[in-house]
Amino acid sequence: MTWRARNGRARGRAAGGVLAPVPGDDRTGAAPDVTPRRRQSPVWFFDLDDTLHDASHAIFSVLNRRMTDYVQQHLAVDEGEADRLRQTYWRRYGATLLGLMRHHEVDPHHFLRQTHDFDIAALLRAERGLTQLFRRLPGRKVLLTNAPDAYAATVLRALSLDRHLARRYTIESMQVHGSFRPKPSTLMLRHMLARERCGRGQAVLVEDSRANLKAARSLGFRTVLITARGRAGGAARARGAYVGLQLGSVRELPRAFARLRSA
C-alpha cells in the first residue's frame, strides 16, 4: 500500500507464465492441478494492511514519510516533488515502487528494505480475537499482500497469525515473466488461483481495496470488502456490484459466512 503508497524458495508454474519464488514456500515447481474439488472448502486470500490490522492508525504515515524521503534522496528532488511522484506512481501503477522501477531504475529490494526499516510492532494496532477467528473459519487461509515479506512476517508474528496461514504471498513473489505484478493485476491473481488449485467459486478475497476486489471478482473470486468502522470515509461509498459482502471488521466473517456462500 504505497507499495500501495498510502502507499519460497520453490518455483510454482502456472498456465501462461512463471511466478517468482514464494518466501517460506518449500513446495516443488510442479504444475498445479486446477481441477475443481468435489467438495469445495473455501480458500481465503487475506490482505494485510487495513484488513488484519489498522495500518492507517500510525504505520502508513511512517511509510509515507520514509518513501517520500527515499524518493527525495535517490532522485535528488525537493520534498514536494518527491511526495508528488510517490502519489502519482501509486495512482498510475497501483504501487509507488513500480513507477520508480519503470522510470528511475530503482532497485526494488533496496527500496523495500530502506522504507520499511522501523519499529513496526511498536506502531501496530489490531482487534483482539483474530486467532480465534482464523480457527473458526473453515478452509485454507493464505496472505496476499503488496507489502514486502519481512514486514508481513513481522506483523503476522506480532498478531500471532503466522501459524494459522498456509502460505504468504508478498510483493517479492508477485512476479510474472520477471516483472512485478502486484494487486490489482488480474494476471497475477489468475496465477494465484492456479497456484492454490482453486476451483470455481472457491477463492475468497478479503480486502479493504475496492480496485483489488473489482479485479478479483472479474476472475471469479468471491469478495469481502472491509470498511473498518471509525476510519474516515470507511463506509461512505456505495458498495459496488463486485463486492459480495461489506463488513466493518474481519471478526464478522464467521457470522457472515452463510451469506458469503450465496454472494
C-alpha atoms as a PDB file:
ATOM      1  CA  MET A   1       0.000   0.000   0.000  1.00  0.00           C
ATOM      2  CA  THR A   2       2.431   2.768  -1.108  1.00  0.00           C
ATOM      3  CA  TRP A   3       3.923  -0.125  -2.088  1.00  0.00           C
ATOM      4  CA  ARG A   4       0.224   0.810  -2.079  1.00  0.00           C
ATOM      5  CA  ALA A   5       1.632   4.215  -1.460  1.00  0.00           C
ATOM      6  CA  ARG A   6      -0.580   5.076   1.336  1.00  0.00           C
ATOM      7  CA  ASN A   7       1.341   3.627  -0.275  1.00  0.00           C
ATOM      8  CA  GLY A   8       9.878 -19.781  -1.221  1.00  0.00           C
ATOM      9  CA  ARG A   9      12.176 -20.960  -2.387  1.00  0.00           C
ATOM     10  CA  ALA A  10      10.238 -23.007  -4.908  1.00  0.00           C
ATOM     11  CA  ARG A  11       9.078 -22.006  -8.336  1.00  0.00           C
ATOM     12  CA  GLY A  12       5.408 -22.616  -8.970  1.00  0.00           C
ATOM     13  CA  ARG A  13       4.486 -22.894 -12.628  1.00  0.00           C
ATOM     14  CA  ALA A  14       1.041 -21.809 -13.732  1.00  0.00           C
ATOM     15  CA  ALA A  15      -0.653 -21.516 -17.062  1.00  0.00           C
ATOM     16  CA  GLY A  16       0.744 -18.621 -19.079  1.00  0.00           C
ATOM     17  CA  GLY A  17       3.847 -17.808 -17.028  1.00  0.00           C
ATOM     18  CA  VAL A  18       6.053 -18.385 -14.019  1.00  0.00           C
ATOM     19  CA  LEU A  19       5.549 -16.756 -10.662  1.00  0.00           C
ATOM     20  CA  ALA A  20       8.523 -15.712  -8.563  1.00  0.00           C
ATOM     21  CA  PRO A  21       9.615 -17.894  -5.633  1.00  0.00           C
ATOM     22  CA  VAL A  22       7.409 -17.567  -2.578  1.00  0.00           C
ATOM     23  CA  PRO A  23       9.277 -16.758   0.657  1.00  0.00           C
ATOM     24  CA  GLY A  24       8.921 -19.697   3.009  1.00  0.00           C
ATOM     25  CA  ASP A  25       7.361 -21.969   0.354  1.00  0.00           C
ATOM     26  CA  ASP A  26       9.126 -25.334   0.169  1.00  0.00           C
ATOM     27  CA  ARG A  27       6.913 -26.916  -2.491  1.00  0.00           C
ATOM     28  CA  THR A  28       8.372 -28.224  -5.739  1.00  0.00           C
ATOM     29  CA  GLY A  29       7.803 -26.439  -9.016  1.00  0.00           C
ATOM     30  CA  ALA A  30       5.317 -28.951 -10.385  1.00  0.00           C
ATOM     31  CA  ALA A  31       2.404 -27.593 -12.342  1.00  0.00           C
ATOM     32  CA  PRO A  32      -0.614 -27.215 -10.053  1.00  0.00           C
ATOM     33  CA  ASP A  33      -3.726 -29.280 -10.591  1.00  0.00           C
ATOM     34  CA  VAL A  34      -6.528 -26.778 -11.098  1.00  0.00           C
ATOM     35  CA  THR A  35      -9.282 -29.400 -11.333  1.00  0.00           C
ATOM     36  CA  PRO A  36     -12.194 -28.256  -9.137  1.00  0.00           C
ATOM     37  CA  ARG A  37     -12.638 -30.259  -5.962  1.00  0.00           C
ATOM     38  CA  ARG A  38     -15.798 -32.253  -5.403  1.00  0.00           C
ATOM     39  CA  ARG A  39     -16.422 -30.632  -2.051  1.00  0.00           C
ATOM     40  CA  GLN A  40     -15.054 -27.134  -2.288  1.00  0.00           C
ATOM     41  CA  SER A  41     -13.961 -25.700   1.027  1.00  0.00           C
ATOM     42  CA  PRO A  42     -13.084 -22.008   0.702  1.00  0.00           C
ATOM     43  CA  VAL A  43      -9.588 -20.712   0.156  1.00  0.00           C
ATOM     44  CA  TRP A  44      -9.306 -17.366   1.925  1.00  0.00           C
ATOM     45  CA  PHE A  45      -6.927 -14.785   0.471  1.00  0.00           C
ATOM     46  CA  PHE A  46      -6.404 -12.162   3.178  1.00  0.00           C
ATOM     47  CA  ASP A  47      -4.972  -8.730   2.574  1.00  0.00           C
ATOM     48  CA  LEU A  48      -2.838  -7.414   5.443  1.00  0.00           C
ATOM     49  CA  ASP A  49      -2.865  -3.641   5.967  1.00  0.00           C
ATOM     50  CA  ASP A  50      -6.191  -2.114   6.987  1.00  0.00           C
ATOM     51  CA  THR A  51      -7.672  -5.605   6.811  1.00  0.00           C
ATOM     52  CA  LEU A  52      -5.983  -7.690   9.517  1.00  0.00           C
ATOM     53  CA  HIS A  53      -4.653  -4.636  11.358  1.00  0.00           C
ATOM     54  CA  ASP A  54      -5.188  -0.881  11.362  1.00  0.00           C
ATOM     55  CA  ALA A  55      -2.225   0.400   9.363  1.00  0.00           C
ATOM     56  CA  SER A  56      -3.905   3.787   8.951  1.00  0.00           C
ATOM     57  CA  HIS A  57      -3.561   4.363  12.690  1.00  0.00           C
ATOM     58  CA  ALA A  58       0.211   5.003  12.571  1.00  0.00           C
ATOM     59  CA  ILE A  59       2.130   2.745  10.192  1.00  0.00           C
ATOM     60  CA  PHE A  60       1.051   4.333   6.902  1.00  0.00           C
ATOM     61  CA  SER A  61       2.118   7.808   7.984  1.00  0.00           C
ATOM     62  CA  VAL A  62       5.612   6.492   8.783  1.00  0.00           C
ATOM     63  CA  LEU A  63       5.781   4.588   5.489  1.00  0.00           C
ATOM     64  CA  ASN A  64       4.656   7.616   3.505  1.00  0.00           C
ATOM     65  CA  ARG A  65       7.314   9.741   5.166  1.00  0.00           C
ATOM     66  CA  ARG A  66      10.066   7.183   4.563  1.00  0.00           C
ATOM     67  CA  MET A  67       9.060   6.677   0.934  1.00  0.00           C
ATOM     68  CA  THR A  68       8.997  10.398   0.273  1.00  0.00           C
ATOM     69  CA  ASP A  69      12.430  10.700   1.904  1.00  0.00           C
ATOM     70  CA  TYR A  70      13.734   7.848  -0.247  1.00  0.00           C
ATOM     71  CA  VAL A  71      12.478   9.437  -3.469  1.00  0.00           C
ATOM     72  CA  GLN A  72      13.870  12.817  -2.451  1.00  0.00           C
ATOM     73  CA  GLN A  73      17.307  11.382  -1.687  1.00  0.00           C
ATOM     74  CA  HIS A  74      17.694   8.990  -4.612  1.00  0.00           C
ATOM     75  CA  LEU A  75      16.165  11.184  -7.313  1.00  0.00           C
ATOM     76  CA  ALA A  76      17.691  14.420  -5.987  1.00  0.00           C
ATOM     77  CA  VAL A  77      14.392  16.337  -5.958  1.00  0.00           C
ATOM     78  CA  ASP A  78      12.800  18.527  -3.329  1.00  0.00           C
ATOM     79  CA  GLU A  79      10.279  17.235  -0.796  1.00  0.00           C
ATOM     80  CA  GLY A  80       7.226  18.483  -2.663  1.00  0.00           C
ATOM     81  CA  GLU A  81       8.261  16.834  -5.918  1.00  0.00           C
ATOM     82  CA  ALA A  82       9.175  13.612  -4.097  1.00  0.00           C
ATOM     83  CA  ASP A  83       5.747  13.451  -2.476  1.00  0.00           C
ATOM     84  CA  ARG A  84       4.046  14.199  -5.797  1.00  0.00           C
ATOM     85  CA  LEU A  85       5.934  11.380  -7.531  1.00  0.00           C
ATOM     86  CA  ARG A  86       5.159   8.956  -4.720  1.00  0.00           C
ATOM     87  CA  GLN A  87       1.435   9.549  -5.020  1.00  0.00           C
ATOM     88  CA  THR A  88       1.408   9.804  -8.828  1.00  0.00           C
ATOM     89  CA  TYR A  89       3.099   6.434  -9.243  1.00  0.00           C
ATOM     90  CA  TRP A  90       0.747   4.829  -6.738  1.00  0.00           C
ATOM     91  CA  ARG A  91      -2.322   6.090  -8.611  1.00  0.00           C
ATOM     92  CA  ARG A  92      -0.913   5.213 -12.041  1.00  0.00           C
ATOM     93  CA  TYR A  93       0.622   1.798 -11.331  1.00  0.00           C
ATOM     94  CA  GLY A  94      -1.019   0.638  -8.108  1.00  0.00           C
ATOM     95  CA  ALA A  95       2.341   0.796  -6.317  1.00  0.00           C
ATOM     96  CA  THR A  96       4.886   3.586  -5.959  1.00  0.00           C
ATOM     97  CA  LEU A  97       7.640   1.015  -6.366  1.00  0.00           C
ATOM     98  CA  LEU A  98       6.537   0.136  -9.919  1.00  0.00           C
ATOM     99  CA  GLY A  99       6.820   3.738 -11.055  1.00  0.00           C
ATOM    100  CA  LEU A 100      10.258   4.112  -9.503  1.00  0.00           C
ATOM    101  CA  MET A 101      11.443   0.930 -11.218  1.00  0.00           C
ATOM    102  CA  ARG A 102       9.974   1.853 -14.588  1.00  0.00           C
ATOM    103  CA  HIS A 103      11.075   5.490 -14.747  1.00  0.00           C
ATOM    104  CA  HIS A 104      14.130   5.672 -12.480  1.00  0.00           C
ATOM    105  CA  GLU A 105      15.624   2.135 -12.408  1.00  0.00           C
ATOM    106  CA  VAL A 106      15.350   1.949  -8.618  1.00  0.00           C
ATOM    107  CA  ASP A 107      16.446  -1.355  -7.050  1.00  0.00           C
ATOM    108  CA  PRO A 108      13.188  -2.772  -5.625  1.00  0.00           C
ATOM    109  CA  HIS A 109      14.861  -4.736  -2.834  1.00  0.00           C
ATOM    110  CA  HIS A 110      16.855  -1.727  -1.660  1.00  0.00           C
ATOM    111  CA  PHE A 111      13.727   0.420  -1.737  1.00  0.00           C
ATOM    112  CA  LEU A 112      11.717  -2.086   0.301  1.00  0.00           C
ATOM    113  CA  ARG A 113      14.479  -2.553   2.892  1.00  0.00           C
ATOM    114  CA  GLN A 114      15.077   1.153   3.374  1.00  0.00           C
ATOM    115  CA  THR A 115      11.455   2.243   3.566  1.00  0.00           C
ATOM    116  CA  HIS A 116      10.399  -0.498   6.000  1.00  0.00           C
ATOM    117  CA  ASP A 117      13.311  -0.221   8.417  1.00  0.00           C
ATOM    118  CA  PHE A 118      11.480   0.955  11.551  1.00  0.00           C
ATOM    119  CA  ASP A 119       9.894  -0.500  14.677  1.00  0.00           C
ATOM    120  CA  ILE A 120       6.744  -1.920  13.113  1.00  0.00           C
ATOM    121  CA  ALA A 121       5.494  -3.796  16.181  1.00  0.00           C
ATOM    122  CA  ALA A 122       5.514  -0.635  18.296  1.00  0.00           C
ATOM    123  CA  LEU A 123       3.036   1.036  15.922  1.00  0.00           C
ATOM    124  CA  LEU A 124       0.760  -1.940  15.413  1.00  0.00           C
ATOM    125  CA  ARG A 125      -2.922  -1.721  16.332  1.00  0.00           C
ATOM    126  CA  ALA A 126      -5.353  -4.580  15.765  1.00  0.00           C
ATOM    127  CA  GLU A 127      -8.550  -6.041  17.145  1.00  0.00           C
ATOM    128  CA  ARG A 128      -8.479  -8.834  19.655  1.00  0.00           C
ATOM    129  CA  GLY A 129      -9.674 -12.316  18.776  1.00  0.00           C
ATOM    130  CA  LEU A 130      -8.021 -12.720  15.371  1.00  0.00           C
ATOM    131  CA  THR A 131      -6.508 -16.114  16.212  1.00  0.00           C
ATOM    132  CA  GLN A 132      -9.943 -17.372  17.309  1.00  0.00           C
ATOM    133  CA  LEU A 133     -11.380 -16.014  14.061  1.00  0.00           C
ATOM    134  CA  PHE A 134      -8.872 -17.967  11.976  1.00  0.00           C
ATOM    135  CA  ARG A 135      -9.604 -21.157  13.908  1.00  0.00           C
ATOM    136  CA  ARG A 136     -13.352 -20.772  13.397  1.00  0.00           C
ATOM    137  CA  LEU A 137     -13.287 -20.083   9.660  1.00  0.00           C
ATOM    138  CA  PRO A 138     -13.477 -23.240   7.516  1.00  0.00           C
ATOM    139  CA  GLY A 139     -10.985 -23.728   4.725  1.00  0.00           C
ATOM    140  CA  ARG A 140      -7.402 -22.783   3.990  1.00  0.00           C
ATOM    141  CA  LYS A 141      -6.077 -19.288   4.674  1.00  0.00           C
ATOM    142  CA  VAL A 142      -3.270 -17.538   2.815  1.00  0.00           C
ATOM    143  CA  LEU A 143      -1.921 -13.992   2.882  1.00  0.00           C
ATOM    144  CA  LEU A 144      -1.960 -11.899  -0.303  1.00  0.00           C
ATOM    145  CA  THR A 145      -0.342  -8.514   0.273  1.00  0.00           C
ATOM    146  CA  ASN A 146       1.556  -5.933  -1.729  1.00  0.00           C
ATOM    147  CA  ALA A 147       3.776  -5.446   1.310  1.00  0.00           C
ATOM    148  CA  PRO A 148       7.328  -6.857   1.457  1.00  0.00           C
ATOM    149  CA  ASP A 149       7.919 -10.231   3.069  1.00  0.00           C
ATOM    150  CA  ALA A 150       9.979  -9.102   6.076  1.00  0.00           C
ATOM    151  CA  TYR A 151       7.328  -6.529   7.011  1.00  0.00           C
ATOM    152  CA  ALA A 152       4.481  -9.031   6.579  1.00  0.00           C
ATOM    153  CA  ALA A 153       6.300 -11.637   8.682  1.00  0.00           C
ATOM    154  CA  THR A 154       6.815  -9.114  11.485  1.00  0.00           C
ATOM    155  CA  VAL A 155       3.154  -8.108  11.521  1.00  0.00           C
ATOM    156  CA  LEU A 156       1.899 -11.693  11.418  1.00  0.00           C
ATOM    157  CA  ARG A 157       4.162 -12.736  14.307  1.00  0.00           C
ATOM    158  CA  ALA A 158       3.001  -9.783  16.383  1.00  0.00           C
ATOM    159  CA  LEU A 159      -0.626 -10.742  15.690  1.00  0.00           C
ATOM    160  CA  SER A 160       0.098 -14.461  16.373  1.00  0.00           C
ATOM    161  CA  LEU A 161      -1.361 -15.293  12.964  1.00  0.00           C
ATOM    162  CA  ASP A 162       1.732 -16.719  11.276  1.00  0.00           C
ATOM    163  CA  ARG A 163       0.930 -20.310  12.316  1.00  0.00           C
ATOM    164  CA  HIS A 164      -2.638 -20.016  11.015  1.00  0.00           C
ATOM    165  CA  LEU A 165      -1.681 -19.198   7.421  1.00  0.00           C
ATOM    166  CA  ALA A 166      -0.837 -21.950   4.956  1.00  0.00           C
ATOM    167  CA  ARG A 167       1.271 -19.550   2.895  1.00  0.00           C
ATOM    168  CA  ARG A 168       2.052 -15.889   2.493  1.00  0.00           C
ATOM    169  CA  TYR A 169       2.314 -14.170  -0.879  1.00  0.00           C
ATOM    170  CA  THR A 170       4.091 -10.828  -0.714  1.00  0.00           C
ATOM    171  CA  ILE A 171       5.253  -8.361  -3.347  1.00  0.00           C
ATOM    172  CA  GLU A 172       8.535 -10.231  -3.896  1.00  0.00           C
ATOM    173  CA  SER A 173       6.571 -13.272  -5.086  1.00  0.00           C
ATOM    174  CA  MET A 174       4.208 -11.265  -7.301  1.00  0.00           C
ATOM    175  CA  GLN A 175       6.354 -11.533 -10.411  1.00  0.00           C
ATOM    176  CA  VAL A 176       5.257 -12.979 -13.735  1.00  0.00           C
ATOM    177  CA  HIS A 177       7.824 -13.404 -16.517  1.00  0.00           C
ATOM    178  CA  GLY A 178      10.268 -11.453 -14.343  1.00  0.00           C
ATOM    179  CA  SER A 179       8.044  -8.378 -13.948  1.00  0.00           C
ATOM    180  CA  PHE A 180       6.409  -7.257 -10.721  1.00  0.00           C
ATOM    181  CA  ARG A 181       2.635  -7.678 -10.894  1.00  0.00           C
ATOM    182  CA  PRO A 182       1.139  -6.685  -7.534  1.00  0.00           C
ATOM    183  CA  LYS A 183      -2.565  -6.314  -6.861  1.00  0.00           C
ATOM    184  CA  PRO A 184      -4.774  -5.439  -8.692  1.00  0.00           C
ATOM    185  CA  SER A 185      -3.059  -7.297 -11.558  1.00  0.00           C
ATOM    186  CA  THR A 186      -5.517  -9.842 -12.988  1.00  0.00           C
ATOM    187  CA  LEU A 187      -2.586 -11.760 -14.494  1.00  0.00           C
ATOM    188  CA  MET A 188      -1.075 -12.262 -11.039  1.00  0.00           C
ATOM    189  CA  LEU A 189      -4.450 -13.099  -9.486  1.00  0.00           C
ATOM    190  CA  ARG A 190      -5.102 -15.723 -12.174  1.00  0.00           C
ATOM    191  CA  HIS A 191      -1.746 -17.308 -11.349  1.00  0.00           C
ATOM    192  CA  MET A 192      -2.633 -17.304  -7.651  1.00  0.00           C
ATOM    193  CA  LEU A 193      -5.823 -19.217  -8.384  1.00  0.00           C
ATOM    194  CA  ALA A 194      -3.768 -21.831 -10.219  1.00  0.00           C
ATOM    195  CA  ARG A 195      -1.054 -21.999  -7.587  1.00  0.00           C
ATOM    196  CA  GLU A 196      -3.593 -22.560  -4.823  1.00  0.00           C
ATOM    197  CA  ARG A 197      -5.566 -25.003  -7.007  1.00  0.00           C
ATOM    198  CA  CYS A 198      -8.812 -23.139  -6.532  1.00  0.00           C
ATOM    199  CA  GLY A 199     -11.931 -24.446  -8.219  1.00  0.00           C
ATOM    200  CA  ARG A 200     -14.689 -22.173  -9.456  1.00  0.00           C
ATOM    201  CA  GLY A 201     -16.119 -20.047  -6.652  1.00  0.00           C
ATOM    202  CA  GLN A 202     -13.677 -21.455  -4.105  1.00  0.00           C
ATOM    203  CA  ALA A 203     -11.413 -18.411  -3.692  1.00  0.00           C
ATOM    204  CA  VAL A 204     -12.424 -15.556  -1.391  1.00  0.00           C
ATOM    205  CA  LEU A 205     -10.521 -12.258  -1.318  1.00  0.00           C
ATOM    206  CA  VAL A 206     -10.842 -10.233   1.897  1.00  0.00           C
ATOM    207  CA  GLU A 207      -9.637  -6.698   1.264  1.00  0.00           C
ATOM    208  CA  ASP A 208     -10.039  -3.006   2.037  1.00  0.00           C
ATOM    209  CA  SER A 209      -9.207  -2.011  -1.560  1.00  0.00           C
ATOM    210  CA  ARG A 210     -12.102  -1.714  -3.979  1.00  0.00           C
ATOM    211  CA  ALA A 211      -9.788  -1.793  -7.009  1.00  0.00           C
ATOM    212  CA  ASN A 212      -8.301  -5.101  -5.874  1.00  0.00           C
ATOM    213  CA  LEU A 213     -11.729  -6.592  -5.216  1.00  0.00           C
ATOM    214  CA  LYS A 214     -13.038  -5.479  -8.605  1.00  0.00           C
ATOM    215  CA  ALA A 215     -10.131  -7.206 -10.382  1.00  0.00           C
ATOM    216  CA  ALA A 216     -10.579 -10.367  -8.315  1.00  0.00           C
ATOM    217  CA  ARG A 217     -14.327 -10.506  -8.906  1.00  0.00           C
ATOM    218  CA  SER A 218     -13.761 -10.429 -12.663  1.00  0.00           C
ATOM    219  CA  LEU A 219     -11.842 -13.724 -12.279  1.00  0.00           C
ATOM    220  CA  GLY A 220     -14.498 -15.458 -10.191  1.00  0.00           C
ATOM    221  CA  PHE A 221     -13.292 -14.704  -6.673  1.00  0.00           C
ATOM    222  CA  ARG A 222     -15.930 -14.153  -4.038  1.00  0.00           C
ATOM    223  CA  THR A 223     -15.187 -10.833  -2.399  1.00  0.00           C
ATOM    224  CA  VAL A 224     -15.370  -9.232   1.041  1.00  0.00           C
ATOM    225  CA  LEU A 225     -14.806  -5.500   1.496  1.00  0.00           C
ATOM    226  CA  ILE A 226     -13.516  -4.464   4.926  1.00  0.00           C
ATOM    227  CA  THR A 227     -14.558  -0.886   5.551  1.00  0.00           C
ATOM    228  CA  ALA A 228     -13.191  -0.503   9.096  1.00  0.00           C
ATOM    229  CA  ARG A 229     -15.723   1.297  11.215  1.00  0.00           C
ATOM    230  CA  GLY A 230     -14.392   4.525  12.624  1.00  0.00           C
ATOM    231  CA  ARG A 231     -11.935   5.116   9.769  1.00  0.00           C
ATOM    232  CA  ALA A 232     -12.662   8.320   7.932  1.00  0.00           C
ATOM    233  CA  GLY A 233     -14.850   7.603   4.919  1.00  0.00           C
ATOM    234  CA  GLY A 234     -14.721   3.876   5.605  1.00  0.00           C
ATOM    235  CA  ALA A 235     -18.293   3.024   4.627  1.00  0.00           C
ATOM    236  CA  ALA A 236     -19.364   6.203   2.844  1.00  0.00           C
ATOM    237  CA  ARG A 237     -19.207   4.943  -0.749  1.00  0.00           C
ATOM    238  CA  ALA A 238     -21.708   2.682  -2.487  1.00  0.00           C
ATOM    239  CA  ARG A 239     -20.859  -0.992  -2.271  1.00  0.00           C
ATOM    240  CA  GLY A 240     -20.409  -1.817  -5.941  1.00  0.00           C
ATOM    241  CA  ALA A 241     -21.556  -4.936  -7.788  1.00  0.00           C
ATOM    242  CA  TYR A 242     -18.095  -6.509  -7.407  1.00  0.00           C
ATOM    243  CA  VAL A 243     -18.427  -6.567  -3.599  1.00  0.00           C
ATOM    244  CA  GLY A 244     -20.044  -9.755  -2.320  1.00  0.00           C
ATOM    245  CA  LEU A 245     -20.056  -8.702   1.324  1.00  0.00           C
ATOM    246  CA  GLN A 246     -19.207  -5.444   3.049  1.00  0.00           C
ATOM    247  CA  LEU A 247     -18.126  -5.762   6.677  1.00  0.00           C
ATOM    248  CA  GLY A 248     -16.775  -3.390   9.280  1.00  0.00           C
ATOM    249  CA  SER A 249     -14.285  -5.946  10.595  1.00  0.00           C
ATOM    250  CA  VAL A 250     -12.814  -9.318   9.673  1.00  0.00           C
ATOM    251  CA  ARG A 251     -14.188 -10.540  13.005  1.00  0.00           C
ATOM    252  CA  GLU A 252     -17.645 -10.505  11.418  1.00  0.00           C
ATOM    253  CA  LEU A 253     -16.657 -13.176   8.871  1.00  0.00           C
ATOM    254  CA  PRO A 254     -17.820 -16.282  10.780  1.00  0.00           C
ATOM    255  CA  ARG A 255     -21.328 -14.865  11.239  1.00  0.00           C
ATOM    256  CA  ALA A 256     -21.431 -13.644   7.630  1.00  0.00           C
ATOM    257  CA  PHE A 257     -20.077 -16.853   6.072  1.00  0.00           C
ATOM    258  CA  ALA A 258     -23.523 -18.222   5.147  1.00  0.00           C
ATOM    259  CA  ARG A 259     -24.313 -15.014   3.250  1.00  0.00           C
ATOM    260  CA  LEU A 260     -20.939 -15.156   1.505  1.00  0.00           C
ATOM    261  CA  ARG A 261     -21.616 -18.650   0.162  1.00  0.00           C
ATOM    262  CA  SER A 262     -24.529 -17.288  -1.840  1.00  0.00           C
ATOM    263  CA  ALA A 263     -22.835 -13.974  -2.730  1.00  0.00           C
END
